[in-house]
Amino acid sequence: MDRTRRELSFHYCPQGQQPILADSVTVNAMKTILTGLALASLCPLALATSMDASHELPVEVYNYSMELDIAKVIAIDTPPYVCEVVPTRMTYEDSKGQRHILEYLVWGGGCSGD
């Protein structure tokens, strides 16, 4: 004898079709899957929106005479695994809340002894 108790319910179809008999576990599982799929479909849209905003910003190339106003660092690109000086970028907000992208030079991450 099955020790788990499942509640069965009828789900009626329109226009006089035969009703579908499904247990509450199956119905809840389907609701969870559909909710997950709906939320997952929104992720690429959010990612595309955030990527478009960063591509519209002009890239400022750093030099030592610049006076920087960095209130909050948003992201720093990881330099490639090479042993040489390479450009990398930092996205930040200034004290007025405006976003900037700054390109500057760093040693790559592939030098021995790191």
C-alpha atoms as a PDB file:
ATOM      1  CA  MET A   1       0.000   0.000   0.000  1.00  0.00           C
ATOM      2  CA  ASP A   2       1.273   3.468  -0.870  1.00  0.00           C
ATOM      3  CA  ARG A   3       2.130   5.341   2.352  1.00  0.00           C
ATOM      4  CA  THR A   4       2.070   8.792   0.768  1.00  0.00           C
ATOM      5  CA  ARG A   5      -1.319  10.398   0.438  1.00  0.00           C
ATOM      6  CA  ARG A   6      -1.905  12.483  -2.640  1.00  0.00           C
ATOM      7  CA  GLU A   7      -4.847  14.694  -3.290  1.00  0.00           C
ATOM      8  CA  LEU A   8      -6.349  14.286  -6.726  1.00  0.00           C
ATOM      9  CA  SER A   9      -8.093  17.076  -8.539  1.00  0.00           C
ATOM     10  CA  PHE A  10      -9.856  17.462 -11.854  1.00  0.00           C
ATOM     11  CA  HIS A  11      -8.753  20.094 -14.341  1.00  0.00           C
ATOM     12  CA  TYR A  12     -11.445  20.794 -16.877  1.00  0.00           C
ATOM     13  CA  CYS A  13     -10.714  21.610 -20.488  1.00  0.00           C
ATOM     14  CA  PRO A  14     -12.859  24.036 -22.502  1.00  0.00           C
ATOM     15  CA  GLN A  15     -15.561  22.990 -24.988  1.00  0.00           C
ATOM     16  CA  GLY A  16     -16.608  19.740 -23.337  1.00  0.00           C
ATOM     17  CA  GLN A  17     -13.289  17.858 -23.629  1.00  0.00           C
ATOM     18  CA  GLN A  18     -12.477  15.133 -21.149  1.00  0.00           C
ATOM     19  CA  PRO A  19     -11.265  16.366 -17.741  1.00  0.00           C
ATOM     20  CA  ILE A  20      -7.644  15.728 -16.807  1.00  0.00           C
ATOM     21  CA  LEU A  21      -6.987  13.933 -13.538  1.00  0.00           C
ATOM     22  CA  ALA A  22      -3.765  15.162 -11.876  1.00  0.00           C
ATOM     23  CA  ASP A  23      -2.411  14.973  -8.369  1.00  0.00           C
ATOM     24  CA  SER A  24      -1.442  18.111  -6.427  1.00  0.00           C
ATOM     25  CA  VAL A  25       2.278  17.205  -6.535  1.00  0.00           C
ATOM     26  CA  THR A  26       2.240  17.182 -10.339  1.00  0.00           C
ATOM     27  CA  VAL A  27       0.308  20.440 -10.516  1.00  0.00           C
ATOM     28  CA  ASN A  28       2.666  22.152  -8.058  1.00  0.00           C
ATOM     29  CA  ALA A  29       5.712  20.843  -9.928  1.00  0.00           C
ATOM     30  CA  MET A  30       4.369  22.199 -13.220  1.00  0.00           C
ATOM     31  CA  LYS A  31       3.656  25.596 -11.635  1.00  0.00           C
ATOM     32  CA  THR A  32       7.227  25.706 -10.286  1.00  0.00           C
ATOM     33  CA  ILE A  33       8.714  24.786 -13.665  1.00  0.00           C
ATOM     34  CA  LEU A  34       6.617  27.356 -15.525  1.00  0.00           C
ATOM     35  CA  THR A  35       7.510  30.069 -13.011  1.00  0.00           C
ATOM     36  CA  GLY A  36      11.205  29.208 -13.358  1.00  0.00           C
ATOM     37  CA  LEU A  37      11.024  29.328 -17.144  1.00  0.00           C
ATOM     38  CA  ALA A  38       9.258  32.690 -17.047  1.00  0.00           C
ATOM     39  CA  LEU A  39      11.915  34.150 -14.743  1.00  0.00           C
ATOM     40  CA  ALA A  40      14.769  32.635 -16.757  1.00  0.00           C
ATOM     41  CA  SER A  41      13.433  34.226 -19.927  1.00  0.00           C
ATOM     42  CA  LEU A  42      13.879  37.665 -18.333  1.00  0.00           C
ATOM     43  CA  CYS A  43      17.604  37.192 -17.541  1.00  0.00           C
ATOM     44  CA  PRO A  44      18.955  37.768 -21.076  1.00  0.00           C
ATOM     45  CA  LEU A  45      16.888  40.944 -21.313  1.00  0.00           C
ATOM     46  CA  ALA A  46      18.356  42.313 -18.083  1.00  0.00           C
ATOM     47  CA  LEU A  47      21.887  41.343 -19.143  1.00  0.00           C
ATOM     48  CA  ALA A  48      21.471  42.961 -22.552  1.00  0.00           C
ATOM     49  CA  THR A  49      20.187  46.151 -20.947  1.00  0.00           C
ATOM     50  CA  SER A  50      23.151  46.396 -18.582  1.00  0.00           C
ATOM     51  CA  MET A  51      25.631  45.608 -21.357  1.00  0.00           C
ATOM     52  CA  ASP A  52      24.124  48.235 -23.659  1.00  0.00           C
ATOM     53  CA  ALA A  53      24.493  50.897 -20.976  1.00  0.00           C
ATOM     54  CA  SER A  54      28.214  50.176 -20.542  1.00  0.00           C
ATOM     55  CA  HIS A  55      28.852  50.196 -24.318  1.00  0.00           C
ATOM     56  CA  GLU A  56      27.364  53.671 -24.649  1.00  0.00           C
ATOM     57  CA  LEU A  57      29.873  55.160 -22.213  1.00  0.00           C
ATOM     58  CA  PRO A  58      33.038  56.625 -23.708  1.00  0.00           C
ATOM     59  CA  VAL A  59      36.271  54.955 -22.643  1.00  0.00           C
ATOM     60  CA  GLU A  60      38.669  57.362 -20.959  1.00  0.00           C
ATOM     61  CA  VAL A  61      42.363  56.435 -21.284  1.00  0.00           C
ATOM     62  CA  TYR A  62      44.200  57.092 -18.034  1.00  0.00           C
ATOM     63  CA  ASN A  63      47.279  59.287 -17.802  1.00  0.00           C
ATOM     64  CA  TYR A  64      49.165  60.396 -14.692  1.00  0.00           C
ATOM     65  CA  SER A  65      47.970  63.999 -14.873  1.00  0.00           C
ATOM     66  CA  MET A  66      44.278  63.042 -14.553  1.00  0.00           C
ATOM     67  CA  GLU A  67      42.441  63.907 -11.349  1.00  0.00           C
ATOM     68  CA  LEU A  68      40.102  60.999 -10.720  1.00  0.00           C
ATOM     69  CA  ASP A  69      36.832  61.200  -8.783  1.00  0.00           C
ATOM     70  CA  ILE A  70      36.088  57.569  -7.906  1.00  0.00           C
ATOM     71  CA  ALA A  71      33.280  57.176  -5.380  1.00  0.00           C
ATOM     72  CA  LYS A  72      32.361  53.538  -6.126  1.00  0.00           C
ATOM     73  CA  VAL A  73      34.044  50.841  -8.229  1.00  0.00           C
ATOM     74  CA  ILE A  74      31.482  48.871 -10.240  1.00  0.00           C
ATOM     75  CA  ALA A  75      33.745  46.393 -12.059  1.00  0.00           C
ATOM     76  CA  ILE A  76      37.386  45.770 -12.913  1.00  0.00           C
ATOM     77  CA  ASP A  77      38.287  43.586 -15.901  1.00  0.00           C
ATOM     78  CA  THR A  78      40.670  40.725 -15.200  1.00  0.00           C
ATOM     79  CA  PRO A  79      43.904  41.157 -17.169  1.00  0.00           C
ATOM     80  CA  PRO A  80      44.870  38.304 -19.513  1.00  0.00           C
ATOM     81  CA  TYR A  81      47.291  35.575 -18.416  1.00  0.00           C
ATOM     82  CA  VAL A  82      50.396  36.962 -20.138  1.00  0.00           C
ATOM     83  CA  CYS A  83      53.695  38.332 -18.851  1.00  0.00           C
ATOM     84  CA  GLU A  84      53.615  41.835 -20.297  1.00  0.00           C
ATOM     85  CA  VAL A  85      51.959  45.189 -19.806  1.00  0.00           C
ATOM     86  CA  VAL A  86      48.373  45.083 -21.060  1.00  0.00           C
ATOM     87  CA  PRO A  87      45.386  47.445 -20.990  1.00  0.00           C
ATOM     88  CA  THR A  88      42.488  46.737 -18.663  1.00  0.00           C
ATOM     89  CA  ARG A  89      39.315  48.630 -17.780  1.00  0.00           C
ATOM     90  CA  MET A  90      37.548  49.753 -14.659  1.00  0.00           C
ATOM     91  CA  THR A  91      33.921  50.870 -14.516  1.00  0.00           C
ATOM     92  CA  TYR A  92      33.182  53.282 -11.688  1.00  0.00           C
ATOM     93  CA  GLU A  93      30.804  55.950 -10.432  1.00  0.00           C
ATOM     94  CA  ASP A  94      31.988  59.414  -9.495  1.00  0.00           C
ATOM     95  CA  SER A  95      30.735  61.471  -6.529  1.00  0.00           C
ATOM     96  CA  LYS A  96      27.849  62.765  -8.692  1.00  0.00           C
ATOM     97  CA  GLY A  97      26.652  59.223  -9.481  1.00  0.00           C
ATOM     98  CA  GLN A  98      27.778  59.271 -13.136  1.00  0.00           C
ATOM     99  CA  ARG A  99      29.366  56.128 -14.558  1.00  0.00           C
ATOM    100  CA  HIS A 100      32.740  56.128 -16.275  1.00  0.00           C
ATOM    101  CA  ILE A 101      34.963  53.545 -17.937  1.00  0.00           C
ATOM    102  CA  LEU A 102      38.677  54.053 -17.401  1.00  0.00           C
ATOM    103  CA  GLU A 103      41.302  52.167 -19.392  1.00  0.00           C
ATOM    104  CA  TYR A 104      44.745  51.834 -17.829  1.00  0.00           C
ATOM    105  CA  LEU A 105      47.854  49.646 -18.093  1.00  0.00           C
ATOM    106  CA  VAL A 106      48.698  46.742 -15.770  1.00  0.00           C
ATOM    107  CA  TRP A 107      51.051  43.765 -15.723  1.00  0.00           C
ATOM    108  CA  GLY A 108      49.332  40.654 -17.040  1.00  0.00           C
ATOM    109  CA  GLY A 109      48.710  37.790 -14.649  1.00  0.00           C
ATOM    110  CA  GLY A 110      51.074  35.299 -16.305  1.00  0.00           C
ATOM    111  CA  CYS A 111      54.484  36.345 -14.951  1.00  0.00           C
ATOM    112  CA  SER A 112      56.338  33.746 -12.874  1.00  0.00           C
ATOM    113  CA  GLY A 113      56.665  34.541  -9.193  1.00  0.00           C
ATOM    114  CA  ASP A 114      53.137  35.929  -8.902  1.00  0.00           C
END
